[in-house]
Amino acid sequence: MPGKDSKYIEFTKWRNRGRGTMGEFKFKDTVENLKTNLLDNLGRWVPTAIAANGIINGIIAYILFITRGGYTKQIQLVKEYGLFGAYDEKFTTGTSQMIFKGVAGKILLILLVIDLIILLIQYFEETGIVRKVLMIIDLVVTGAVSLFFNRTVAEYVTFQLIKNTGIDISDVGMVVVGIWMGGVALFIILMVITEECRGIFGYTATALLVALIVMPLLILFLENVIPIATGIIAIAIIAIIAIIAIATLGESVGGDTQSTSSGSAGSNTGTYSQKKYDHVKGNTMSTMNNQKDNRPAYETDTNPNHHYIADYRSFGGIKLFKVHDSMGDYIMLDNSITSRKICNLKEAESGKHKFYRRENGKEINIAEIPWK
């Protein structure tokens, strides 16, 4: 039994020793993996933080726009100026610039610097001497040229160039921008052609696209949705009016063309010989003279002093009255709504003015007209 106990104790020690070794090995392996993949992990986390910073700040900026009365002001401008006016006041940059200004801008800059450091560490660990030298030159030149974006530095350097060399660089700003853009382009090319940096650089570019372009444009659109909508309605109204005007003008031109064509056709048709035309005209006039005119008297009578009264003395019809007046008696027409003077009584009695029933042309005697 003692022999068996001693063997069991030794086995237990050996087993526990093995477990301790395995535990220590796993911990060390985890630490080594963390150190090895730290740059890769940071290369994903930092761009994610950049994009999240832009999104969160965009939401905050939009909420501030609403609470500060941005929409209220735009609605008031629409009420005051209507659909067609004051768009220079209706449209606004609002709070969209807050995404990359102030505290939000500083946070974004810090994250971007951290991400740049990660990219450069990864780049210098994985590239050869030639690419390292190119990157160093690019960073030095681009950094030096970036100082020119400070107005004081730009003016000082330009002044010294003119004073000491006689070179007049009147458009130094364009030169500076050109060199700076070339440096940025070289940096992008070096990152893209380096396989170990390509993935992290892609994450960074996507994050900057979201934070600096997509979110500001989205917030700008949301803050100007009212003037955009009213502008679309105004354009639609103008388009409808223009279409109606064009259609009306087209119908008018078409009618004139048709009339002209008809006139031309009539002119072409009237190419009879003069002799035949005179013969037809003579026969037509003869027929018209011999034909009895069946039109009613009020249509054929051209005397302005002959008055044809419709529905004379019928219910709701027109009535005539003789009226006494200090300036002279006269004949008055009354249609139950208004009344007016027709002529002097003496003129009617002398026959200068005569009155007829319109429906049958029968004359109305002056003696039949009652006094009012």
Protein backbone atom coordinates (compact mmCIF):
# COMPACT_ATOMS: atom_id res chain seq x y z
CA MET A 1 0.00 0.00 0.00
CA PRO A 2 2.77 2.54 0.86
CA GLY A 3 4.31 1.92 -2.53
CA LYS A 4 1.02 2.60 -4.21
CA ASP A 5 0.48 5.86 -2.22
CA SER A 6 3.87 7.21 -3.13
CA LYS A 7 3.31 6.50 -6.81
CA TYR A 8 -0.09 8.25 -6.67
CA ILE A 9 1.43 11.34 -5.02
CA GLU A 10 4.17 11.54 -7.67
CA PHE A 11 1.60 11.20 -10.44
CA THR A 12 -0.51 13.96 -8.93
CA LYS A 13 2.50 16.31 -8.71
CA TRP A 14 3.43 15.54 -12.30
CA ARG A 15 -0.12 16.20 -13.44
CA ASN A 16 -0.39 19.51 -11.57
CA ARG A 17 3.02 20.56 -12.87
CA GLY A 18 1.83 19.93 -16.41
CA ARG A 19 -1.30 21.95 -15.85
CA GLY A 20 0.70 24.90 -14.54
CA THR A 21 2.98 24.78 -17.54
CA MET A 22 0.02 24.68 -19.94
CA GLY A 23 -1.62 27.64 -18.14
CA GLU A 24 1.55 29.66 -18.28
CA PHE A 25 1.98 28.80 -21.96
CA LYS A 26 -1.57 29.92 -22.84
CA PHE A 27 -1.19 33.24 -21.02
CA LYS A 28 2.11 33.99 -22.70
CA ASP A 29 0.64 33.02 -26.07
CA THR A 30 -2.30 35.38 -25.55
CA VAL A 31 0.04 38.24 -24.63
CA GLU A 32 2.23 37.57 -27.65
CA ASN A 33 -0.80 37.45 -29.95
CA LEU A 34 -2.06 40.72 -28.48
CA LYS A 35 1.30 42.37 -29.09
CA THR A 36 1.49 40.98 -32.61
CA ASN A 37 -2.06 41.97 -33.59
CA LEU A 38 -2.15 45.25 -31.66
CA LEU A 39 -1.52 47.39 -34.74
CA ASP A 40 -4.07 45.44 -36.76
CA ASN A 41 -6.69 45.82 -34.03
CA LEU A 42 -5.97 49.51 -33.53
CA GLY A 43 -6.03 49.91 -37.31
CA ARG A 44 -9.69 48.83 -37.19
CA TRP A 45 -10.75 50.42 -33.91
CA VAL A 46 -9.46 53.93 -34.60
CA PRO A 47 -11.19 54.32 -38.02
CA THR A 48 -14.36 52.99 -36.40
CA ALA A 49 -14.01 55.67 -33.72
CA ILE A 50 -13.52 58.33 -36.43
CA ALA A 51 -16.73 57.29 -38.20
CA ALA A 52 -18.64 57.02 -34.91
CA ASN A 53 -17.41 60.48 -33.88
CA GLY A 54 -18.77 61.94 -37.13
CA ILE A 55 -22.13 60.18 -36.78
CA ILE A 56 -22.64 61.14 -33.13
CA ASN A 57 -21.65 64.76 -33.73
CA GLY A 58 -23.96 64.87 -36.76
CA ILE A 59 -26.92 63.74 -34.65
CA ILE A 60 -26.08 66.30 -31.97
CA ALA A 61 -25.76 69.07 -34.58
CA TYR A 62 -29.16 68.18 -36.08
CA ILE A 63 -30.85 68.19 -32.68
CA LEU A 64 -29.34 71.63 -31.94
CA PHE A 65 -30.65 72.92 -35.27
CA ILE A 66 -34.18 71.86 -34.38
CA THR A 67 -34.07 73.15 -30.79
CA ARG A 68 -32.65 76.50 -31.92
CA GLY A 69 -35.65 77.09 -34.19
CA GLY A 70 -34.10 76.34 -37.57
CA TYR A 71 -37.28 74.89 -39.08
CA THR A 72 -39.44 77.54 -37.40
CA LYS A 73 -37.46 80.31 -39.09
CA GLN A 74 -37.72 78.63 -42.51
CA ILE A 75 -41.49 78.17 -42.17
CA GLN A 76 -41.84 81.84 -41.21
CA LEU A 77 -39.86 82.86 -44.31
CA VAL A 78 -42.13 80.73 -46.51
CA LYS A 79 -45.20 82.42 -44.99
CA GLU A 80 -43.66 85.86 -45.47
CA TYR A 81 -42.15 85.52 -48.96
CA GLY A 82 -44.18 82.65 -50.44
CA LEU A 83 -42.88 79.88 -52.67
CA PHE A 84 -40.89 82.07 -55.03
CA GLY A 85 -38.87 84.44 -52.84
CA ALA A 86 -35.99 84.79 -50.34
CA TYR A 87 -34.24 81.49 -51.08
CA ASP A 88 -30.94 83.10 -50.11
CA GLU A 89 -32.39 83.34 -46.60
CA LYS A 90 -34.36 80.08 -46.63
CA PHE A 91 -31.30 77.95 -47.39
CA THR A 92 -28.81 77.62 -44.55
CA THR A 93 -25.57 75.87 -43.64
CA GLY A 94 -27.16 75.33 -40.25
CA THR A 95 -25.16 73.31 -37.77
CA SER A 96 -23.58 70.89 -40.27
CA GLN A 97 -20.14 72.45 -39.80
CA MET A 98 -20.16 71.51 -36.11
CA ILE A 99 -19.18 67.98 -37.15
CA PHE A 100 -15.59 69.05 -37.86
CA LYS A 101 -15.31 72.27 -35.83
CA GLY A 102 -14.84 73.02 -32.13
CA VAL A 103 -14.49 70.12 -29.71
CA ALA A 104 -15.76 67.62 -32.28
CA GLY A 105 -13.10 68.77 -34.72
CA LYS A 106 -10.34 68.43 -32.11
CA ILE A 107 -11.43 64.89 -31.26
CA LEU A 108 -11.48 64.02 -34.95
CA LEU A 109 -7.96 65.48 -35.39
CA ILE A 110 -6.58 63.47 -32.44
CA LEU A 111 -8.06 60.23 -33.79
CA LEU A 112 -6.70 61.00 -37.24
CA VAL A 113 -3.17 61.61 -35.86
CA ILE A 114 -3.32 58.31 -33.93
CA ASP A 115 -4.44 56.51 -37.06
CA LEU A 116 -1.63 58.13 -39.08
CA ILE A 117 0.94 56.98 -36.52
CA ILE A 118 -0.41 53.42 -36.70
CA LEU A 119 -0.19 53.49 -40.49
CA LEU A 120 3.39 54.79 -40.46
CA ILE A 121 4.55 52.19 -37.89
CA GLN A 122 3.01 49.44 -39.97
CA TYR A 123 4.53 50.92 -43.14
CA PHE A 124 8.09 51.23 -41.81
CA GLU A 125 7.97 47.69 -40.34
CA GLU A 126 6.92 46.09 -43.60
CA THR A 127 8.73 48.05 -46.36
CA GLY A 128 12.25 48.16 -47.75
CA ILE A 129 14.78 50.97 -47.70
CA VAL A 130 13.64 52.60 -50.95
CA ARG A 131 10.03 53.02 -49.89
CA LYS A 132 11.12 54.18 -46.45
CA VAL A 133 13.24 56.95 -47.97
CA LEU A 134 10.42 57.98 -50.30
CA MET A 135 8.01 58.19 -47.36
CA ILE A 136 10.44 60.25 -45.27
CA ILE A 137 11.00 62.72 -48.11
CA ASP A 138 7.26 62.92 -48.74
CA LEU A 139 6.45 63.58 -45.08
CA VAL A 140 9.14 66.26 -44.74
CA VAL A 141 8.16 68.13 -47.92
CA THR A 142 4.42 67.87 -47.30
CA GLY A 143 4.81 68.96 -43.68
CA ALA A 144 6.99 71.92 -44.63
CA VAL A 145 4.62 73.04 -47.36
CA SER A 146 1.67 72.71 -44.95
CA LEU A 147 3.16 75.61 -42.97
CA PHE A 148 2.26 77.87 -45.90
CA PHE A 149 -1.41 77.44 -45.04
CA ASN A 150 -0.62 79.78 -42.16
CA ARG A 151 -1.03 83.26 -43.65
CA THR A 152 1.74 84.82 -41.55
CA VAL A 153 4.27 82.19 -42.63
CA ALA A 154 3.23 82.47 -46.29
CA GLU A 155 3.57 86.27 -46.31
CA TYR A 156 6.97 86.15 -44.57
CA VAL A 157 8.45 83.53 -46.93
CA THR A 158 7.12 85.34 -49.99
CA PHE A 159 8.60 88.63 -48.78
CA GLN A 160 12.01 87.03 -48.19
CA LEU A 161 12.00 85.45 -51.65
CA ILE A 162 11.27 88.78 -53.29
CA LYS A 163 13.83 90.63 -51.16
CA ASN A 164 16.77 88.19 -51.43
CA THR A 165 16.31 86.58 -54.85
CA GLY A 166 14.27 89.09 -56.80
CA ILE A 167 11.77 86.38 -57.69
CA ASP A 168 8.23 87.68 -57.66
CA ILE A 169 5.97 84.81 -56.75
CA SER A 170 2.60 86.48 -57.21
CA ASP A 171 0.66 83.26 -57.08
CA VAL A 172 2.50 81.44 -54.31
CA GLY A 173 -0.77 79.99 -53.02
CA MET A 174 -1.30 77.93 -56.18
CA VAL A 175 2.26 76.63 -56.03
CA VAL A 176 1.87 75.63 -52.39
CA VAL A 177 -1.43 73.85 -53.03
CA GLY A 178 0.04 72.01 -56.02
CA ILE A 179 3.06 70.73 -54.04
CA TRP A 180 0.86 69.79 -51.07
CA MET A 181 -1.58 67.83 -53.24
CA GLY A 182 1.34 66.05 -54.91
CA GLY A 183 2.67 65.04 -51.49
CA VAL A 184 -0.72 63.72 -50.40
CA ALA A 185 -1.07 61.78 -53.66
CA LEU A 186 2.36 60.17 -53.16
CA PHE A 187 1.42 59.20 -49.59
CA ILE A 188 -1.78 57.53 -50.83
CA ILE A 189 0.09 55.66 -53.57
CA LEU A 190 2.72 54.35 -51.13
CA MET A 191 0.01 53.14 -48.75
CA VAL A 192 -2.01 51.44 -51.48
CA ILE A 193 0.94 49.57 -53.02
CA THR A 194 2.02 48.31 -49.58
CA GLU A 195 -0.13 45.24 -48.97
CA GLU A 196 0.26 45.28 -45.18
CA CYS A 197 -1.06 48.88 -44.99
CA ARG A 198 -3.74 48.66 -47.65
CA GLY A 199 -6.45 47.29 -45.36
CA ILE A 200 -5.94 49.82 -42.55
CA PHE A 201 -5.71 52.67 -45.05
CA GLY A 202 -9.00 51.54 -46.63
CA TYR A 203 -10.73 51.60 -43.23
CA THR A 204 -9.35 55.09 -42.58
CA ALA A 205 -10.48 56.41 -45.97
CA THR A 206 -13.98 54.99 -45.45
CA ALA A 207 -14.20 56.50 -41.96
CA LEU A 208 -13.12 59.93 -43.21
CA LEU A 209 -15.65 59.69 -46.04
CA VAL A 210 -18.42 59.07 -43.52
CA ALA A 211 -17.26 61.70 -40.99
CA LEU A 212 -16.30 64.54 -43.35
CA ILE A 213 -18.56 64.10 -46.40
CA VAL A 214 -21.54 61.79 -45.90
CA MET A 215 -22.69 63.07 -42.50
CA PRO A 216 -22.26 66.81 -43.24
CA LEU A 217 -24.14 66.43 -46.55
CA LEU A 218 -26.90 64.41 -44.88
CA ILE A 219 -27.32 66.99 -42.09
CA LEU A 220 -27.22 69.82 -44.64
CA PHE A 221 -29.98 68.12 -46.65
CA LEU A 222 -32.17 67.52 -43.59
CA GLU A 223 -31.75 71.12 -42.42
CA ASN A 224 -32.78 72.44 -45.83
CA VAL A 225 -35.60 70.02 -46.60
CA ILE A 226 -38.25 72.80 -46.34
CA PRO A 227 -36.67 75.18 -48.91
CA ILE A 228 -35.88 72.20 -51.13
CA ALA A 229 -39.54 71.10 -51.04
CA THR A 230 -40.88 74.62 -51.66
CA GLY A 231 -38.36 75.08 -54.46
CA ILE A 232 -39.53 71.88 -56.17
CA ILE A 233 -43.17 73.02 -55.87
CA ALA A 234 -42.27 76.45 -57.27
CA ILE A 235 -40.44 74.89 -60.22
CA ALA A 236 -43.39 72.55 -60.86
CA ILE A 237 -45.82 75.50 -60.89
CA ILE A 238 -43.61 77.43 -63.31
CA ALA A 239 -43.30 74.35 -65.52
CA ILE A 240 -47.08 73.83 -65.59
CA ILE A 241 -47.67 77.49 -66.47
CA ALA A 242 -45.04 77.29 -69.21
CA ILE A 243 -46.61 74.12 -70.66
CA ILE A 244 -50.07 75.70 -70.66
CA ALA A 245 -48.71 78.86 -72.29
CA ILE A 246 -46.88 76.88 -74.96
CA ALA A 247 -49.96 74.74 -75.63
CA THR A 248 -52.19 77.83 -75.89
CA LEU A 249 -49.72 79.54 -78.19
CA GLY A 250 -49.53 76.42 -80.31
CA GLU A 251 -53.31 76.28 -80.67
CA SER A 252 -53.37 79.98 -81.59
CA VAL A 253 -50.68 79.54 -84.23
CA GLY A 254 -52.44 76.44 -85.51
CA GLY A 255 -55.73 78.36 -85.82
CA ASP A 256 -54.05 81.20 -87.70
CA THR A 257 -52.37 78.72 -90.01
CA GLN A 258 -55.66 77.00 -90.67
CA SER A 259 -57.37 80.33 -91.41
CA THR A 260 -54.56 81.28 -93.75
CA SER A 261 -54.83 77.93 -95.47
CA SER A 262 -58.57 78.35 -95.82
CA GLY A 263 -58.05 81.83 -97.21
CA SER A 264 -55.51 80.52 -99.66
CA ALA A 265 -57.84 77.76 -100.68
CA GLY A 266 -60.57 80.34 -101.18
CA SER A 267 -58.25 82.44 -103.29
CA ASN A 268 -57.29 79.44 -105.34
CA THR A 269 -60.89 78.49 -105.76
CA GLY A 270 -61.72 81.96 -107.00
CA THR A 271 -59.76 81.53 -110.21
CA TYR A 272 -62.82 81.58 -112.37
CA SER A 273 -62.76 83.63 -115.47
CA GLN A 274 -64.10 87.18 -115.02
CA LYS A 275 -67.01 86.49 -117.33
CA LYS A 276 -68.15 83.44 -115.41
CA TYR A 277 -67.75 85.27 -112.09
CA ASP A 278 -69.94 88.16 -113.29
CA HIS A 279 -72.58 85.73 -114.50
CA VAL A 280 -72.73 83.94 -111.14
CA LYS A 281 -72.79 87.25 -109.26
CA GLY A 282 -75.66 88.56 -111.38
CA ASN A 283 -77.76 85.44 -110.82
CA THR A 284 -77.06 85.52 -107.06
CA MET A 285 -78.05 89.18 -106.67
CA SER A 286 -81.19 88.60 -108.70
CA THR A 287 -82.17 85.67 -106.49
CA MET A 288 -81.52 87.69 -103.31
CA ASN A 289 -83.65 90.58 -104.54
CA ASN A 290 -86.55 88.29 -105.43
CA GLN A 291 -86.37 86.30 -102.20
CA LYS A 292 -88.52 87.48 -99.28
CA ASP A 293 -86.65 88.36 -96.06
CA ASN A 294 -88.13 86.18 -93.29
CA ARG A 295 -86.13 87.71 -90.46
CA PRO A 296 -88.08 89.36 -87.58
CA ALA A 297 -88.60 93.12 -87.67
CA TYR A 298 -86.28 93.90 -84.74
CA GLU A 299 -83.42 92.37 -86.76
CA THR A 300 -84.12 94.17 -90.00
CA ASP A 301 -85.18 97.56 -88.56
CA THR A 302 -82.10 99.78 -88.36
CA ASN A 303 -83.83 102.91 -87.01
CA PRO A 304 -82.35 103.66 -83.55
CA ASN A 305 -85.58 105.40 -82.46
CA HIS A 306 -87.65 102.27 -82.90
CA HIS A 307 -87.78 100.34 -79.64
CA TYR A 308 -88.74 96.65 -79.58
CA ILE A 309 -89.98 95.60 -76.13
CA ALA A 310 -89.65 91.93 -75.16
CA ASP A 311 -92.50 90.34 -73.15
CA TYR A 312 -94.32 93.64 -72.91
CA ARG A 313 -96.63 93.79 -69.84
CA SER A 314 -96.40 90.04 -69.30
CA PHE A 315 -95.63 88.53 -65.88
CA GLY A 316 -92.04 89.37 -65.08
CA GLY A 317 -91.68 91.14 -68.42
CA ILE A 318 -90.88 94.76 -69.34
CA LYS A 319 -93.32 97.63 -68.77
CA LEU A 320 -93.55 101.15 -70.14
CA PHE A 321 -94.76 104.17 -68.16
CA LYS A 322 -95.35 107.83 -68.79
CA VAL A 323 -93.70 109.88 -66.04
CA HIS A 324 -94.26 113.51 -65.02
CA ASP A 325 -91.11 115.52 -64.50
CA SER A 326 -90.29 119.19 -63.94
CA MET A 327 -87.86 119.08 -66.84
CA GLY A 328 -90.50 117.52 -69.08
CA ASP A 329 -92.59 114.37 -69.17
CA TYR A 330 -90.91 111.24 -70.52
CA ILE A 331 -91.34 107.53 -71.32
CA MET A 332 -89.73 105.17 -68.79
CA LEU A 333 -88.79 101.51 -69.24
CA ASP A 334 -89.07 99.28 -66.17
CA ASN A 335 -87.86 95.66 -66.10
CA SER A 336 -88.75 95.07 -62.41
CA ILE A 337 -85.10 95.40 -61.43
CA THR A 338 -84.05 98.76 -62.84
CA SER A 339 -85.73 101.57 -64.72
CA ARG A 340 -84.44 104.10 -67.23
CA LYS A 341 -85.62 106.99 -69.39
CA ILE A 342 -86.21 106.18 -73.06
CA CYS A 343 -87.26 109.48 -74.59
CA ASN A 344 -89.34 112.65 -74.05
CA LEU A 345 -93.10 112.20 -74.17
CA LYS A 346 -93.44 114.84 -76.89
CA GLU A 347 -91.00 112.94 -79.11
CA ALA A 348 -93.02 109.76 -78.68
CA GLU A 349 -96.31 111.52 -79.41
CA SER A 350 -94.86 113.15 -82.53
CA GLY A 351 -93.83 109.76 -83.88
CA LYS A 352 -90.11 110.40 -83.66
CA HIS A 353 -89.84 107.46 -81.23
CA LYS A 354 -92.00 104.40 -81.71
CA PHE A 355 -92.50 101.28 -79.59
CA TYR A 356 -93.19 97.72 -80.82
CA ARG A 357 -93.80 94.29 -79.31
CA ARG A 358 -90.67 92.30 -80.04
CA GLU A 359 -92.35 88.94 -80.46
CA ASN A 360 -94.75 90.02 -83.26
CA GLY A 361 -93.64 93.52 -84.30
CA LYS A 362 -97.03 95.08 -83.37
CA GLU A 363 -96.83 98.79 -82.55
CA ILE A 364 -97.61 99.96 -79.02
CA ASN A 365 -99.76 103.08 -79.03
CA ILE A 366 -98.66 105.89 -76.78
CA ALA A 367 -102.23 106.21 -75.47
CA GLU A 368 -101.99 102.64 -74.12
CA ILE A 369 -98.95 103.43 -71.97
CA PRO A 370 -100.13 104.19 -68.42
CA TRP A 371 -98.90 107.00 -66.16
CA LYS A 372 -96.76 106.16 -63.18
